[in-house]
Amino acid sequence: SSSMQMATAAVVGSVAVLATYYVRRARPGDPSPRSERSVNLD
């Protein structure tokens, strides 16, 4: 039914967004460019 289609879309979309958010948040960030020799010769 239409309501089940909307519920399915809402649940799957929400789970995908939340999963992406938590996976990206758990990953360590890129090292600071200030700590790379190619950017800073010091």
PDB file of all heavy atoms in Angstrom:
ATOM      1  N   SER A   1       0.843  -1.204   0.000  1.00  0.00           N
ATOM      2  CA  SER A   1       0.000   0.000   0.000  1.00  0.00           C
ATOM      3  C   SER A   1       0.879   1.255   0.000  1.00  0.00           C
ATOM      4  O   SER A   1       2.080   1.204   0.278  1.00  0.00           O
ATOM      5  CB  SER A   1      -0.898  -0.004   1.231  1.00  0.00           C
ATOM      6  OG  SER A   1      -0.114   0.130   2.403  1.00  0.00           O
ATOM      7  N   SER A   2       0.244   2.382  -0.283  1.00  0.00           N
ATOM      8  CA  SER A   2       0.976   3.662  -0.337  1.00  0.00           C
ATOM      9  C   SER A   2       1.645   3.981   0.989  1.00  0.00           C
ATOM     10  O   SER A   2       2.784   4.452   1.026  1.00  0.00           O
ATOM     11  CB  SER A   2       0.034   4.805  -0.701  1.00  0.00           C
ATOM     12  OG  SER A   2      -0.572   4.579  -1.931  1.00  0.00           O
ATOM     13  N   SER A   3       0.929   3.739   2.089  1.00  0.00           N
ATOM     14  CA  SER A   3       1.515   4.047   3.391  1.00  0.00           C
ATOM     15  C   SER A   3       2.707   3.134   3.687  1.00  0.00           C
ATOM     16  O   SER A   3       3.699   3.571   4.278  1.00  0.00           O
ATOM     17  CB  SER A   3       0.466   3.934   4.495  1.00  0.00           C
ATOM     18  OG  SER A   3      -0.073   2.632   4.519  1.00  0.00           O
ATOM     19  N   MET A   4       2.651   1.880   3.259  1.00  0.00           N
ATOM     20  CA  MET A   4       3.780   0.968   3.461  1.00  0.00           C
ATOM     21  C   MET A   4       4.962   1.351   2.563  1.00  0.00           C
ATOM     22  O   MET A   4       6.117   1.219   2.965  1.00  0.00           O
ATOM     23  CB  MET A   4       3.361  -0.480   3.188  1.00  0.00           C
ATOM     24  CG  MET A   4       2.484  -1.071   4.278  1.00  0.00           C
ATOM     25  SD  MET A   4       3.234  -1.028   5.909  1.00  0.00           S
ATOM     26  CE  MET A   4       4.593  -2.144   5.681  1.00  0.00           C
ATOM     27  N   GLN A   5       4.671   1.835   1.369  1.00  0.00           N
ATOM     28  CA  GLN A   5       5.737   2.312   0.481  1.00  0.00           C
ATOM     29  C   GLN A   5       6.467   3.492   1.118  1.00  0.00           C
ATOM     30  O   GLN A   5       7.708   3.534   1.141  1.00  0.00           O
ATOM     31  CB  GLN A   5       5.163   2.739  -0.868  1.00  0.00           C
ATOM     32  CG  GLN A   5       4.586   1.617  -1.683  1.00  0.00           C
ATOM     33  CD  GLN A   5       3.832   2.133  -2.898  1.00  0.00           C
ATOM     34  OE1 GLN A   5       4.101   3.232  -3.376  1.00  0.00           O
ATOM     35  NE2 GLN A   5       2.889   1.344  -3.392  1.00  0.00           N
ATOM     36  N   MET A   6       5.698   4.445   1.652  1.00  0.00           N
ATOM     37  CA  MET A   6       6.304   5.611   2.297  1.00  0.00           C
ATOM     38  C   MET A   6       7.080   5.215   3.551  1.00  0.00           C
ATOM     39  O   MET A   6       8.178   5.732   3.799  1.00  0.00           O
ATOM     40  CB  MET A   6       5.233   6.638   2.639  1.00  0.00           C
ATOM     41  CG  MET A   6       4.744   7.393   1.423  1.00  0.00           C
ATOM     42  SD  MET A   6       3.685   8.742   1.883  1.00  0.00           S
ATOM     43  CE  MET A   6       2.133   8.112   1.293  1.00  0.00           C
ATOM     44  N   ALA A   7       6.513   4.283   4.318  1.00  0.00           N
ATOM     45  CA  ALA A   7       7.210   3.831   5.523  1.00  0.00           C
ATOM     46  C   ALA A   7       8.514   3.120   5.160  1.00  0.00           C
ATOM     47  O   ALA A   7       9.546   3.336   5.800  1.00  0.00           O
ATOM     48  CB  ALA A   7       6.307   2.911   6.340  1.00  0.00           C
ATOM     49  N   THR A   8       8.466   2.295   4.126  1.00  0.00           N
ATOM     50  CA  THR A   8       9.673   1.601   3.681  1.00  0.00           C
ATOM     51  C   THR A   8      10.734   2.598   3.229  1.00  0.00           C
ATOM     52  O   THR A   8      11.907   2.495   3.608  1.00  0.00           O
ATOM     53  CB  THR A   8       9.345   0.627   2.534  1.00  0.00           C
ATOM     54  OG1 THR A   8       8.368  -0.307   2.989  1.00  0.00           O
ATOM     55  CG2 THR A   8      10.579  -0.101   2.054  1.00  0.00           C
ATOM     56  N   ALA A   9      10.325   3.570   2.427  1.00  0.00           N
ATOM     57  CA  ALA A   9      11.273   4.585   1.952  1.00  0.00           C
ATOM     58  C   ALA A   9      11.847   5.380   3.120  1.00  0.00           C
ATOM     59  O   ALA A   9      13.058   5.640   3.165  1.00  0.00           O
ATOM     60  CB  ALA A   9      10.588   5.517   0.961  1.00  0.00           C
ATOM     61  N   ALA A  10      11.012   5.740   4.072  1.00  0.00           N
ATOM     62  CA  ALA A  10      11.473   6.532   5.214  1.00  0.00           C
ATOM     63  C   ALA A  10      12.440   5.741   6.085  1.00  0.00           C
ATOM     64  O   ALA A  10      13.487   6.253   6.486  1.00  0.00           O
ATOM     65  CB  ALA A  10      10.278   7.000   6.037  1.00  0.00           C
ATOM     66  N   VAL A  11      12.109   4.486   6.368  1.00  0.00           N
ATOM     67  CA  VAL A  11      12.964   3.677   7.238  1.00  0.00           C
ATOM     68  C   VAL A  11      14.302   3.381   6.556  1.00  0.00           C
ATOM     69  O   VAL A  11      15.371   3.568   7.153  1.00  0.00           O
ATOM     70  CB  VAL A  11      12.243   2.375   7.649  1.00  0.00           C
ATOM     71  CG1 VAL A  11      13.195   1.397   8.302  1.00  0.00           C
ATOM     72  CG2 VAL A  11      11.079   2.685   8.574  1.00  0.00           C
ATOM     73  N   VAL A  12      14.257   2.932   5.308  1.00  0.00           N
ATOM     74  CA  VAL A  12      15.501   2.598   4.610  1.00  0.00           C
ATOM     75  C   VAL A  12      16.369   3.848   4.410  1.00  0.00           C
ATOM     76  O   VAL A  12      17.584   3.813   4.641  1.00  0.00           O
ATOM     77  CB  VAL A  12      15.211   1.895   3.261  1.00  0.00           C
ATOM     78  CG1 VAL A  12      16.470   1.751   2.431  1.00  0.00           C
ATOM     79  CG2 VAL A  12      14.573   0.543   3.507  1.00  0.00           C
ATOM     80  N   GLY A  13      15.778   4.952   4.020  1.00  0.00           N
ATOM     81  CA  GLY A  13      16.541   6.190   3.839  1.00  0.00           C
ATOM     82  C   GLY A  13      17.142   6.685   5.147  1.00  0.00           C
ATOM     83  O   GLY A  13      18.304   7.094   5.196  1.00  0.00           O
ATOM     84  N   SER A  14      16.349   6.637   6.225  1.00  0.00           N
ATOM     85  CA  SER A  14      16.849   7.086   7.527  1.00  0.00           C
ATOM     86  C   SER A  14      17.992   6.204   8.027  1.00  0.00           C
ATOM     87  O   SER A  14      18.997   6.698   8.536  1.00  0.00           O
ATOM     88  CB  SER A  14      15.719   7.087   8.557  1.00  0.00           C
ATOM     89  OG  SER A  14      14.721   7.989   8.172  1.00  0.00           O
ATOM     90  N   VAL A  15      17.832   4.891   7.881  1.00  0.00           N
ATOM     91  CA  VAL A  15      18.888   3.973   8.310  1.00  0.00           C
ATOM     92  C   VAL A  15      20.160   4.201   7.492  1.00  0.00           C
ATOM     93  O   VAL A  15      21.267   4.210   8.031  1.00  0.00           O
ATOM     94  CB  VAL A  15      18.409   2.508   8.225  1.00  0.00           C
ATOM     95  CG1 VAL A  15      19.560   1.537   8.364  1.00  0.00           C
ATOM     96  CG2 VAL A  15      17.356   2.239   9.285  1.00  0.00           C
ATOM     97  N   ALA A  16      20.006   4.425   6.198  1.00  0.00           N
ATOM     98  CA  ALA A  16      21.185   4.666   5.350  1.00  0.00           C
ATOM     99  C   ALA A  16      21.889   5.958   5.742  1.00  0.00           C
ATOM    100  O   ALA A  16      23.128   6.003   5.821  1.00  0.00           O
ATOM    101  CB  ALA A  16      20.770   4.702   3.880  1.00  0.00           C
ATOM    102  N   VAL A  17      21.122   7.012   6.007  1.00  0.00           N
ATOM    103  CA  VAL A  17      21.721   8.287   6.410  1.00  0.00           C
ATOM    104  C   VAL A  17      22.426   8.140   7.754  1.00  0.00           C
ATOM    105  O   VAL A  17      23.569   8.581   7.926  1.00  0.00           O
ATOM    106  CB  VAL A  17      20.651   9.405   6.464  1.00  0.00           C
ATOM    107  CG1 VAL A  17      21.172  10.632   7.200  1.00  0.00           C
ATOM    108  CG2 VAL A  17      20.215   9.793   5.066  1.00  0.00           C
ATOM    109  N   LEU A  18      21.768   7.520   8.723  1.00  0.00           N
ATOM    110  CA  LEU A  18      22.382   7.345  10.040  1.00  0.00           C
ATOM    111  C   LEU A  18      23.621   6.457   9.979  1.00  0.00           C
ATOM    112  O   LEU A  18      24.631   6.739  10.631  1.00  0.00           O
ATOM    113  CB  LEU A  18      21.359   6.773  11.021  1.00  0.00           C
ATOM    114  CG  LEU A  18      20.248   7.742  11.449  1.00  0.00           C
ATOM    115  CD1 LEU A  18      19.208   7.031  12.292  1.00  0.00           C
ATOM    116  CD2 LEU A  18      20.825   8.929  12.187  1.00  0.00           C
ATOM    117  N   ALA A  19      23.550   5.386   9.203  1.00  0.00           N
ATOM    118  CA  ALA A  19      24.714   4.502   9.078  1.00  0.00           C
ATOM    119  C   ALA A  19      25.884   5.250   8.455  1.00  0.00           C
ATOM    120  O   ALA A  19      27.031   5.130   8.917  1.00  0.00           O
ATOM    121  CB  ALA A  19      24.358   3.276   8.237  1.00  0.00           C
ATOM    122  N   THR A  20      25.623   6.040   7.426  1.00  0.00           N
ATOM    123  CA  THR A  20      26.678   6.826   6.790  1.00  0.00           C
ATOM    124  C   THR A  20      27.266   7.835   7.762  1.00  0.00           C
ATOM    125  O   THR A  20      28.482   8.012   7.838  1.00  0.00           O
ATOM    126  CB  THR A  20      26.129   7.552   5.554  1.00  0.00           C
ATOM    127  OG1 THR A  20      25.612   6.591   4.654  1.00  0.00           O
ATOM    128  CG2 THR A  20      27.202   8.366   4.873  1.00  0.00           C
ATOM    129  N   TYR A  21      26.409   8.482   8.540  1.00  0.00           N
ATOM    130  CA  TYR A  21      26.870   9.476   9.505  1.00  0.00           C
ATOM    131  C   TYR A  21      27.797   8.837  10.537  1.00  0.00           C
ATOM    132  O   TYR A  21      28.878   9.351  10.815  1.00  0.00           O
ATOM    133  CB  TYR A  21      25.671  10.120  10.194  1.00  0.00           C
ATOM    134  CG  TYR A  21      26.059  11.018  11.344  1.00  0.00           C
ATOM    135  CD1 TYR A  21      26.595  12.281  11.116  1.00  0.00           C
ATOM    136  CD2 TYR A  21      25.911  10.595  12.656  1.00  0.00           C
ATOM    137  CE1 TYR A  21      26.970  13.095  12.174  1.00  0.00           C
ATOM    138  CE2 TYR A  21      26.275  11.402  13.710  1.00  0.00           C
ATOM    139  CZ  TYR A  21      26.800  12.648  13.466  1.00  0.00           C
ATOM    140  OH  TYR A  21      27.165  13.439  14.510  1.00  0.00           O
ATOM    141  N   TYR A  22      27.385   7.706  11.100  1.00  0.00           N
ATOM    142  CA  TYR A  22      28.192   7.072  12.139  1.00  0.00           C
ATOM    143  C   TYR A  22      29.472   6.452  11.588  1.00  0.00           C
ATOM    144  O   TYR A  22      30.501   6.463  12.258  1.00  0.00           O
ATOM    145  CB  TYR A  22      27.374   6.043  12.911  1.00  0.00           C
ATOM    146  CG  TYR A  22      26.401   6.710  13.862  1.00  0.00           C
ATOM    147  CD1 TYR A  22      25.036   6.600  13.691  1.00  0.00           C
ATOM    148  CD2 TYR A  22      26.867   7.487  14.914  1.00  0.00           C
ATOM    149  CE1 TYR A  22      24.151   7.229  14.539  1.00  0.00           C
ATOM    150  CE2 TYR A  22      25.993   8.127  15.769  1.00  0.00           C
ATOM    151  CZ  TYR A  22      24.634   7.995  15.583  1.00  0.00           C
ATOM    152  OH  TYR A  22      23.767   8.632  16.430  1.00  0.00           O
ATOM    153  N   VAL A  23      29.440   5.937  10.379  1.00  0.00           N
ATOM    154  CA  VAL A  23      30.662   5.388   9.779  1.00  0.00           C
ATOM    155  C   VAL A  23      31.660   6.514   9.506  1.00  0.00           C
ATOM    156  O   VAL A  23      32.853   6.382   9.798  1.00  0.00           O
ATOM    157  CB  VAL A  23      30.339   4.614   8.481  1.00  0.00           C
ATOM    158  CG1 VAL A  23      31.585   4.343   7.663  1.00  0.00           C
ATOM    159  CG2 VAL A  23      29.631   3.311   8.819  1.00  0.00           C
ATOM    160  N   ARG A  24      31.195   7.627   8.991  1.00  0.00           N
ATOM    161  CA  ARG A  24      32.087   8.758   8.709  1.00  0.00           C
ATOM    162  C   ARG A  24      32.626   9.365   9.993  1.00  0.00           C
ATOM    163  O   ARG A  24      33.761   9.819  10.049  1.00  0.00           O
ATOM    164  CB  ARG A  24      31.357   9.833   7.907  1.00  0.00           C
ATOM    165  CG  ARG A  24      31.209   9.472   6.465  1.00  0.00           C
ATOM    166  CD  ARG A  24      30.598  10.629   5.707  1.00  0.00           C
ATOM    167  NE  ARG A  24      30.880  10.485   4.303  1.00  0.00           N
ATOM    168  CZ  ARG A  24      30.690  11.432   3.420  1.00  0.00           C
ATOM    169  NH1 ARG A  24      30.220  12.591   3.802  1.00  0.00           N
ATOM    170  NH2 ARG A  24      30.965  11.227   2.161  1.00  0.00           N
ATOM    171  N   ARG A  25      31.797   9.399  11.024  1.00  0.00           N
ATOM    172  CA  ARG A  25      32.222   9.981  12.292  1.00  0.00           C
ATOM    173  C   ARG A  25      33.257   9.109  13.000  1.00  0.00           C
ATOM    174  O   ARG A  25      34.143   9.618  13.679  1.00  0.00           O
ATOM    175  CB  ARG A  25      30.998  10.163  13.190  1.00  0.00           C
ATOM    176  CG  ARG A  25      31.277  10.975  14.408  1.00  0.00           C
ATOM    177  CD  ARG A  25      30.009  11.282  15.132  1.00  0.00           C
ATOM    178  NE  ARG A  25      30.235  10.973  16.534  1.00  0.00           N
ATOM    179  CZ  ARG A  25      29.333  10.610  17.372  1.00  0.00           C
ATOM    180  NH1 ARG A  25      28.095  10.472  16.972  1.00  0.00           N
ATOM    181  NH2 ARG A  25      29.617  10.380  18.618  1.00  0.00           N
ATOM    182  N   ALA A  26      33.150   7.794  12.834  1.00  0.00           N
ATOM    183  CA  ALA A  26      34.068   6.878  13.501  1.00  0.00           C
ATOM    184  C   ALA A  26      35.438   6.822  12.828  1.00  0.00           C
ATOM    185  O   ALA A  26      36.414   6.436  13.462  1.00  0.00           O
ATOM    186  CB  ALA A  26      33.458   5.481  13.542  1.00  0.00           C
ATOM    187  N   ARG A  27      35.496   7.187  11.555  1.00  0.00           N
ATOM    188  CA  ARG A  27      36.773   7.151  10.840  1.00  0.00           C
ATOM    189  C   ARG A  27      37.698   8.236  11.365  1.00  0.00           C
ATOM    190  O   ARG A  27      37.268   9.349  11.628  1.00  0.00           O
ATOM    191  CB  ARG A  27      36.546   7.423   9.353  1.00  0.00           C
ATOM    192  CG  ARG A  27      36.340   6.209   8.550  1.00  0.00           C
ATOM    193  CD  ARG A  27      36.403   6.469   7.074  1.00  0.00           C
ATOM    194  NE  ARG A  27      36.323   7.876   6.694  1.00  0.00           N
ATOM    195  CZ  ARG A  27      35.925   8.295   5.525  1.00  0.00           C
ATOM    196  NH1 ARG A  27      35.582   7.443   4.601  1.00  0.00           N
ATOM    197  NH2 ARG A  27      35.875   9.564   5.250  1.00  0.00           N
ATOM    198  N   PRO A  28      38.978   7.922  11.496  1.00  0.00           N
ATOM    199  CA  PRO A  28      39.901   8.978  11.907  1.00  0.00           C
ATOM    200  C   PRO A  28      40.009  10.020  10.803  1.00  0.00           C
ATOM    201  O   PRO A  28      39.937   9.694   9.619  1.00  0.00           O
ATOM    202  CB  PRO A  28      41.228   8.242  12.108  1.00  0.00           C
ATOM    203  CG  PRO A  28      41.106   6.989  11.320  1.00  0.00           C
ATOM    204  CD  PRO A  28      39.639   6.645  11.285  1.00  0.00           C
ATOM    205  N   GLY A  29      40.181  11.253  11.212  1.00  0.00           N
ATOM    206  CA  GLY A  29      40.301  12.333  10.236  1.00  0.00           C
ATOM    207  C   GLY A  29      41.626  12.297   9.514  1.00  0.00           C
ATOM    208  O   GLY A  29      42.570  11.614   9.910  1.00  0.00           O
ATOM    209  N   ASP A  30      41.691  13.013   8.448  1.00  0.00           N
ATOM    210  CA  ASP A  30      42.943  13.126   7.712  1.00  0.00           C
ATOM    211  C   ASP A  30      43.957  13.876   8.564  1.00  0.00           C
ATOM    212  O   ASP A  30      43.596  14.742   9.355  1.00  0.00           O
ATOM    213  CB  ASP A  30      42.718  13.882   6.403  1.00  0.00           C
ATOM    214  CG  ASP A  30      41.848  13.114   5.435  1.00  0.00           C
ATOM    215  OD1 ASP A  30      41.869  11.873   5.501  1.00  0.00           O
ATOM    216  OD2 ASP A  30      41.154  13.750   4.626  1.00  0.00           O
ATOM    217  N   PRO A  31      45.221  13.557   8.415  1.00  0.00           N
ATOM    218  CA  PRO A  31      46.222  14.297   9.180  1.00  0.00           C
ATOM    219  C   PRO A  31      46.237  15.759   8.761  1.00  0.00           C
ATOM    220  O   PRO A  31      45.896  16.103   7.630  1.00  0.00           O
ATOM    221  CB  PRO A  31      47.541  13.603   8.833  1.00  0.00           C
ATOM    222  CG  PRO A  31      47.283  12.862   7.581  1.00  0.00           C
ATOM    223  CD  PRO A  31      45.817  12.546   7.558  1.00  0.00           C
ATOM    224  N   SER A  32      46.631  16.591   9.684  1.00  0.00           N
ATOM    225  CA  SER A  32      46.675  18.020   9.411  1.00  0.00           C
ATOM    226  C   SER A  32      47.667  18.313   8.292  1.00  0.00           C
ATOM    227  O   SER A  32      48.771  17.776   8.285  1.00  0.00           O
ATOM    228  CB  SER A  32      47.093  18.759  10.677  1.00  0.00           C
ATOM    229  OG  SER A  32      47.355  20.112  10.393  1.00  0.00           O
ATOM    230  N   PRO A  33      47.302  19.161   7.348  1.00  0.00           N
ATOM    231  CA  PRO A  33      48.255  19.521   6.292  1.00  0.00           C
ATOM    232  C   PRO A  33      49.497  20.189   6.862  1.00  0.00           C
ATOM    233  O   PRO A  33      50.557  20.141   6.263  1.00  0.00           O
ATOM    234  CB  PRO A  33      47.477  20.492   5.411  1.00  0.00           C
ATOM    235  CG  PRO A  33      46.058  20.340   5.772  1.00  0.00           C
ATOM    236  CD  PRO A  33      46.005  19.768   7.143  1.00  0.00           C
ATOM    237  N   ARG A  34      49.371  20.803   8.052  1.00  0.00           N
ATOM    238  CA  ARG A  34      50.520  21.468   8.663  1.00  0.00           C
ATOM    239  C   ARG A  34      51.584  20.474   9.108  1.00  0.00           C
ATOM    240  O   ARG A  34      52.691  20.850   9.401  1.00  0.00           O
ATOM    241  CB  ARG A  34      50.067  22.277   9.874  1.00  0.00           C
ATOM    242  CG  ARG A  34      49.080  23.373   9.527  1.00  0.00           C
ATOM    243  CD  ARG A  34      48.605  24.044  10.759  1.00  0.00           C
ATOM    244  NE  ARG A  34      48.023  23.042  11.657  1.00  0.00           N
ATOM    245  CZ  ARG A  34      47.277  23.299  12.700  1.00  0.00           C
ATOM    246  NH1 ARG A  34      47.006  24.531  13.014  1.00  0.00           N
ATOM    247  NH2 ARG A  34      46.794  22.336  13.450  1.00  0.00           N
ATOM    248  N   SER A  35      51.220  19.174   9.173  1.00  0.00           N
ATOM    249  CA  SER A  35      52.192  18.175   9.620  1.00  0.00           C
ATOM    250  C   SER A  35      52.823  17.419   8.451  1.00  0.00           C
ATOM    251  O   SER A  35      53.553  16.458   8.672  1.00  0.00           O
ATOM    252  CB  SER A  35      51.515  17.188  10.568  1.00  0.00           C
ATOM    253  OG  SER A  35      50.536  16.436   9.881  1.00  0.00           O
ATOM    254  N   GLU A  36      52.562  17.843   7.238  1.00  0.00           N
ATOM    255  CA  GLU A  36      53.125  17.176   6.064  1.00  0.00           C
ATOM    256  C   GLU A  36      54.313  17.961   5.523  1.00  0.00           C
ATOM    257  O   GLU A  36      54.252  19.181   5.376  1.00  0.00           O
ATOM    258  CB  GLU A  36      52.054  17.032   4.982  1.00  0.00           C
ATOM    259  CG  GLU A  36      50.931  16.103   5.397  1.00  0.00           C
ATOM    260  CD  GLU A  36      49.929  15.891   4.290  1.00  0.00           C
ATOM    261  OE1 GLU A  36      50.292  16.072   3.113  1.00  0.00           O
ATOM    262  OE2 GLU A  36      48.784  15.564   4.608  1.00  0.00           O
ATOM    263  N   ARG A  37      55.374  17.258   5.240  1.00  0.00           N
ATOM    264  CA  ARG A  37      56.606  17.889   4.757  1.00  0.00           C
ATOM    265  C   ARG A  37      56.394  18.584   3.415  1.00  0.00           C
ATOM    266  O   ARG A  37      57.029  19.598   3.131  1.00  0.00           O
ATOM    267  CB  ARG A  37      57.709  16.830   4.641  1.00  0.00           C
ATOM    268  CG  ARG A  37      59.004  17.339   4.101  1.00  0.00           C
ATOM    269  CD  ARG A  37      60.004  17.561   5.192  1.00  0.00           C
ATOM    270  NE  ARG A  37      61.296  17.920   4.618  1.00  0.00           N
ATOM    271  CZ  ARG A  37      62.020  18.892   5.095  1.00  0.00           C
ATOM    272  NH1 ARG A  37      61.622  19.551   6.138  1.00  0.00           N
ATOM    273  NH2 ARG A  37      63.168  19.182   4.547  1.00  0.00           N
ATOM    274  N   SER A  38      55.497  18.071   2.593  1.00  0.00           N
ATOM    275  CA  SER A  38      55.263  18.678   1.280  1.00  0.00           C
ATOM    276  C   SER A  38      54.585  20.044   1.404  1.00  0.00           C
ATOM    277  O   SER A  38      54.672  20.860   0.496  1.00  0.00           O
ATOM    278  CB  SER A  38      54.414  17.752   0.410  1.00  0.00           C
ATOM    279  OG  SER A  38      53.153  17.553   1.003  1.00  0.00           O
ATOM    280  N   VAL A  39      53.929  20.303   2.528  1.00  0.00           N
ATOM    281  CA  VAL A  39      53.250  21.580   2.746  1.00  0.00           C
ATOM    282  C   VAL A  39      54.133  22.523   3.560  1.00  0.00           C
ATOM    283  O   VAL A  39      54.185  23.716   3.303  1.00  0.00           O
ATOM    284  CB  VAL A  39      51.900  21.355   3.467  1.00  0.00           C
ATOM    285  CG1 VAL A  39      51.241  22.670   3.838  1.00  0.00           C
ATOM    286  CG2 VAL A  39      50.972  20.524   2.604  1.00  0.00           C
ATOM    287  N   ASN A  40      54.822  21.955   4.553  1.00  0.00           N
ATOM    288  CA  ASN A  40      55.612  22.766   5.459  1.00  0.00           C
ATOM    289  C   ASN A  40      57.022  22.190   5.534  1.00  0.00           C
ATOM    290  O   ASN A  40      57.228  21.107   6.074  1.00  0.00           O
ATOM    291  CB  ASN A  40      54.952  22.776   6.836  1.00  0.00           C
ATOM    292  CG  ASN A  40      55.601  23.727   7.777  1.00  0.00           C
ATOM    293  OD1 ASN A  40      56.682  24.232   7.507  1.00  0.00           O
ATOM    294  ND2 ASN A  40      54.958  23.968   8.894  1.00  0.00           N
ATOM    295  N   LEU A  41      57.994  22.906   5.029  1.00  0.00           N
ATOM    296  CA  LEU A  41      59.367  22.404   4.982  1.00  0.00           C
ATOM    297  C   LEU A  41      60.028  22.343   6.354  1.00  0.00           C
ATOM    298  O   LEU A  41      61.090  21.754   6.494  1.00  0.00           O
ATOM    299  CB  LEU A  41      60.205  23.254   4.027  1.00  0.00           C
ATOM    300  CG  LEU A  41      59.774  23.174   2.564  1.00  0.00           C
ATOM    301  CD1 LEU A  41      60.617  24.107   1.707  1.00  0.00           C
ATOM    302  CD2 LEU A  41      59.876  21.755   2.054  1.00  0.00           C
ATOM    303  N   ASP A  42      59.409  22.923   7.377  1.00  0.00           N
ATOM    304  CA  ASP A  42      59.962  22.844   8.727  1.00  0.00           C
ATOM    305  C   ASP A  42      59.755  21.471   9.352  1.00  0.00           C
ATOM    306  O   ASP A  42      60.494  21.081  10.258  1.00  0.00           O
ATOM    307  CB  ASP A  42      59.332  23.907   9.627  1.00  0.00           C
ATOM    308  CG  ASP A  42      59.686  25.314   9.183  1.00  0.00           C
ATOM    309  OD1 ASP A  42      60.849  25.527   8.793  1.00  0.00           O
ATOM    310  OD2 ASP A  42      58.804  26.186   9.223  1.00  0.00           O
TER     311      ASP A  42
END
